[in-house]
Amino acid sequence: MAVCLGGIIVGLALMFTEEKFFEVAAAVVAAHLPVMIIEGIVTALCVAFLKKVQPSMLPGHSPREVS
């Protein structure tokens, strides 16, 4: 989300300066798309790894009682 919001904010800032910057604003947002996809994949892999090896680190985990 951070990359997405950063790209959108930069794009909006460029878009509202002058009309000729609209293409640059679109290019900035488009350039952030691959980074957003990679960030999502890495985050999903990290969560899956933590769920497997240390689920107590994730929110919503209820600890099991050990007998």
N, C-alpha and C. Protein backbone atom coordinates (compact mmCIF):
# COMPACT_ATOMS: atom_id res chain seq x y z
N MET A 1 0.82 -1.20 0.00
CA MET A 1 0.00 0.00 0.00
C MET A 1 0.86 1.25 0.00
N ALA A 2 2.00 1.19 0.67
CA ALA A 2 2.84 2.38 0.76
C ALA A 2 3.33 2.81 -0.62
N VAL A 3 3.74 1.86 -1.43
CA VAL A 3 4.21 2.19 -2.78
C VAL A 3 3.07 2.75 -3.62
N CYS A 4 1.91 2.16 -3.49
CA CYS A 4 0.74 2.61 -4.24
C CYS A 4 0.37 4.05 -3.86
N LEU A 5 0.29 4.31 -2.57
CA LEU A 5 -0.07 5.66 -2.12
C LEU A 5 1.01 6.67 -2.50
N GLY A 6 2.26 6.28 -2.40
CA GLY A 6 3.33 7.19 -2.81
C GLY A 6 3.25 7.55 -4.28
N GLY A 7 3.01 6.55 -5.11
CA GLY A 7 2.88 6.81 -6.54
C GLY A 7 1.69 7.69 -6.86
N ILE A 8 0.58 7.44 -6.20
CA ILE A 8 -0.63 8.25 -6.44
C ILE A 8 -0.42 9.69 -5.98
N ILE A 9 0.21 9.88 -4.82
CA ILE A 9 0.44 11.23 -4.32
C ILE A 9 1.37 12.01 -5.26
N VAL A 10 2.43 11.37 -5.71
CA VAL A 10 3.34 12.04 -6.66
C VAL A 10 2.60 12.35 -7.96
N GLY A 11 1.80 11.39 -8.43
CA GLY A 11 1.03 11.61 -9.65
C GLY A 11 0.05 12.76 -9.51
N LEU A 12 -0.64 12.82 -8.38
CA LEU A 12 -1.59 13.92 -8.15
C LEU A 12 -0.88 15.26 -8.05
N ALA A 13 0.26 15.27 -7.37
CA ALA A 13 1.01 16.52 -7.25
C ALA A 13 1.45 17.02 -8.62
N LEU A 14 1.90 16.13 -9.48
CA LEU A 14 2.30 16.53 -10.83
C LEU A 14 1.10 16.93 -11.68
N MET A 15 0.00 16.19 -11.51
CA MET A 15 -1.17 16.44 -12.34
C MET A 15 -1.78 17.82 -12.07
N PHE A 16 -1.74 18.24 -10.82
CA PHE A 16 -2.38 19.51 -10.48
C PHE A 16 -1.45 20.72 -10.63
N THR A 17 -0.21 20.51 -11.06
CA THR A 17 0.67 21.66 -11.26
C THR A 17 0.35 22.37 -12.58
N GLU A 18 0.47 21.66 -13.67
CA GLU A 18 0.13 22.22 -14.98
C GLU A 18 -0.42 21.10 -15.85
N GLU A 19 -1.11 21.46 -16.89
CA GLU A 19 -1.74 20.47 -17.75
C GLU A 19 -0.72 19.60 -18.48
N LYS A 20 0.44 20.12 -18.79
CA LYS A 20 1.43 19.35 -19.54
C LYS A 20 2.09 18.25 -18.72
N PHE A 21 1.90 18.25 -17.40
CA PHE A 21 2.48 17.22 -16.56
C PHE A 21 1.58 15.99 -16.41
N PHE A 22 0.43 15.98 -17.04
CA PHE A 22 -0.49 14.84 -16.91
C PHE A 22 0.15 13.55 -17.41
N GLU A 23 0.86 13.61 -18.52
CA GLU A 23 1.52 12.41 -19.06
C GLU A 23 2.59 11.91 -18.10
N VAL A 24 3.32 12.84 -17.49
CA VAL A 24 4.36 12.45 -16.53
C VAL A 24 3.72 11.81 -15.30
N ALA A 25 2.60 12.37 -14.85
CA ALA A 25 1.90 11.81 -13.69
C ALA A 25 1.43 10.39 -13.99
N ALA A 26 0.90 10.16 -15.17
CA ALA A 26 0.47 8.82 -15.56
C ALA A 26 1.65 7.87 -15.63
N ALA A 27 2.79 8.34 -16.13
CA ALA A 27 3.99 7.51 -16.22
C ALA A 27 4.52 7.15 -14.84
N VAL A 28 4.46 8.09 -13.91
CA VAL A 28 4.93 7.82 -12.55
C VAL A 28 4.07 6.74 -11.90
N VAL A 29 2.77 6.86 -12.03
CA VAL A 29 1.88 5.84 -11.44
C VAL A 29 2.09 4.49 -12.13
N ALA A 30 2.24 4.50 -13.44
CA ALA A 30 2.47 3.24 -14.18
C ALA A 30 3.81 2.61 -13.80
N ALA A 31 4.81 3.43 -13.53
CA ALA A 31 6.13 2.89 -13.15
C ALA A 31 6.09 2.23 -11.78
N HIS A 32 5.15 2.64 -10.94
CA HIS A 32 5.03 2.04 -9.61
C HIS A 32 4.28 0.71 -9.63
N LEU A 33 3.57 0.40 -10.70
CA LEU A 33 2.79 -0.85 -10.75
C LEU A 33 3.64 -2.11 -10.56
N PRO A 34 4.77 -2.27 -11.25
CA PRO A 34 5.57 -3.48 -11.02
C PRO A 34 6.07 -3.59 -9.58
N VAL A 35 6.43 -2.45 -9.00
CA VAL A 35 6.90 -2.47 -7.61
C VAL A 35 5.77 -2.89 -6.68
N MET A 36 4.56 -2.42 -6.94
CA MET A 36 3.41 -2.82 -6.13
C MET A 36 3.17 -4.32 -6.21
N ILE A 37 3.27 -4.87 -7.40
CA ILE A 37 3.05 -6.31 -7.58
C ILE A 37 4.11 -7.12 -6.84
N ILE A 38 5.36 -6.70 -6.98
CA ILE A 38 6.45 -7.41 -6.30
C ILE A 38 6.30 -7.29 -4.79
N GLU A 39 5.93 -6.12 -4.30
CA GLU A 39 5.73 -5.92 -2.87
C GLU A 39 4.62 -6.84 -2.35
N GLY A 40 3.55 -6.97 -3.10
CA GLY A 40 2.46 -7.86 -2.69
C GLY A 40 2.88 -9.32 -2.64
N ILE A 41 3.67 -9.75 -3.62
CA ILE A 41 4.14 -11.14 -3.65
C ILE A 41 5.07 -11.41 -2.47
N VAL A 42 6.01 -10.50 -2.22
CA VAL A 42 6.96 -10.68 -1.11
C VAL A 42 6.21 -10.71 0.22
N THR A 43 5.24 -9.82 0.40
CA THR A 43 4.46 -9.80 1.63
C THR A 43 3.69 -11.09 1.82
N ALA A 44 3.07 -11.59 0.76
CA ALA A 44 2.32 -12.85 0.85
C ALA A 44 3.24 -14.02 1.21
N LEU A 45 4.43 -14.05 0.62
CA LEU A 45 5.39 -15.11 0.94
C LEU A 45 5.86 -15.02 2.39
N CYS A 46 6.09 -13.81 2.88
CA CYS A 46 6.51 -13.64 4.27
C CYS A 46 5.42 -14.08 5.24
N VAL A 47 4.19 -13.72 4.96
CA VAL A 47 3.08 -14.12 5.83
C VAL A 47 2.91 -15.64 5.81
N ALA A 48 3.00 -16.25 4.64
CA ALA A 48 2.88 -17.71 4.55
C ALA A 48 4.01 -18.39 5.32
N PHE A 49 5.22 -17.85 5.23
CA PHE A 49 6.35 -18.42 5.96
C PHE A 49 6.13 -18.30 7.46
N LEU A 50 5.73 -17.12 7.92
CA LEU A 50 5.49 -16.93 9.35
C LEU A 50 4.35 -17.81 9.85
N LYS A 51 3.33 -17.98 9.05
CA LYS A 51 2.21 -18.83 9.43
C LYS A 51 2.66 -20.27 9.63
N LYS A 52 3.65 -20.68 8.85
CA LYS A 52 4.15 -22.05 8.93
C LYS A 52 5.10 -22.24 10.11
N VAL A 53 6.04 -21.32 10.31
CA VAL A 53 7.09 -21.54 11.30
C VAL A 53 6.85 -20.86 12.64
N GLN A 54 6.12 -19.76 12.67
CA GLN A 54 5.91 -19.02 13.93
C GLN A 54 4.54 -18.32 13.89
N PRO A 55 3.46 -19.08 13.92
CA PRO A 55 2.12 -18.47 13.79
C PRO A 55 1.77 -17.52 14.93
N SER A 56 2.43 -17.63 16.06
CA SER A 56 2.12 -16.74 17.18
C SER A 56 2.51 -15.29 16.89
N MET A 57 3.34 -15.06 15.89
CA MET A 57 3.73 -13.69 15.54
C MET A 57 2.65 -12.96 14.74
N LEU A 58 1.68 -13.70 14.21
CA LEU A 58 0.64 -13.10 13.40
C LEU A 58 -0.55 -12.71 14.26
N PRO A 59 -1.20 -11.59 13.92
CA PRO A 59 -2.39 -11.19 14.69
C PRO A 59 -3.53 -12.19 14.51
N GLY A 60 -4.34 -12.31 15.54
CA GLY A 60 -5.48 -13.20 15.49
C GLY A 60 -5.14 -14.63 15.85
N HIS A 61 -3.92 -14.88 16.28
CA HIS A 61 -3.52 -16.23 16.67
C HIS A 61 -3.86 -16.45 18.13
N SER A 62 -4.58 -17.52 18.41
CA SER A 62 -4.87 -17.86 19.79
C SER A 62 -3.90 -18.98 20.21
N PRO A 63 -3.13 -18.73 21.25
CA PRO A 63 -2.14 -19.73 21.66
C PRO A 63 -2.81 -21.00 22.17
N ARG A 64 -2.23 -22.13 21.79
CA ARG A 64 -2.73 -23.41 22.25
C ARG A 64 -2.09 -23.77 23.58
N GLU A 65 -2.86 -24.46 24.37
CA GLU A 65 -2.29 -24.91 25.64
C GLU A 65 -1.49 -26.16 25.39
N VAL A 66 -0.32 -26.23 26.01
CA VAL A 66 0.55 -27.39 25.86
C VAL A 66 0.31 -28.31 27.03
N SER A 67 0.02 -29.60 26.76
CA SER A 67 -0.22 -30.53 27.86
C SER A 67 1.00 -31.37 28.12
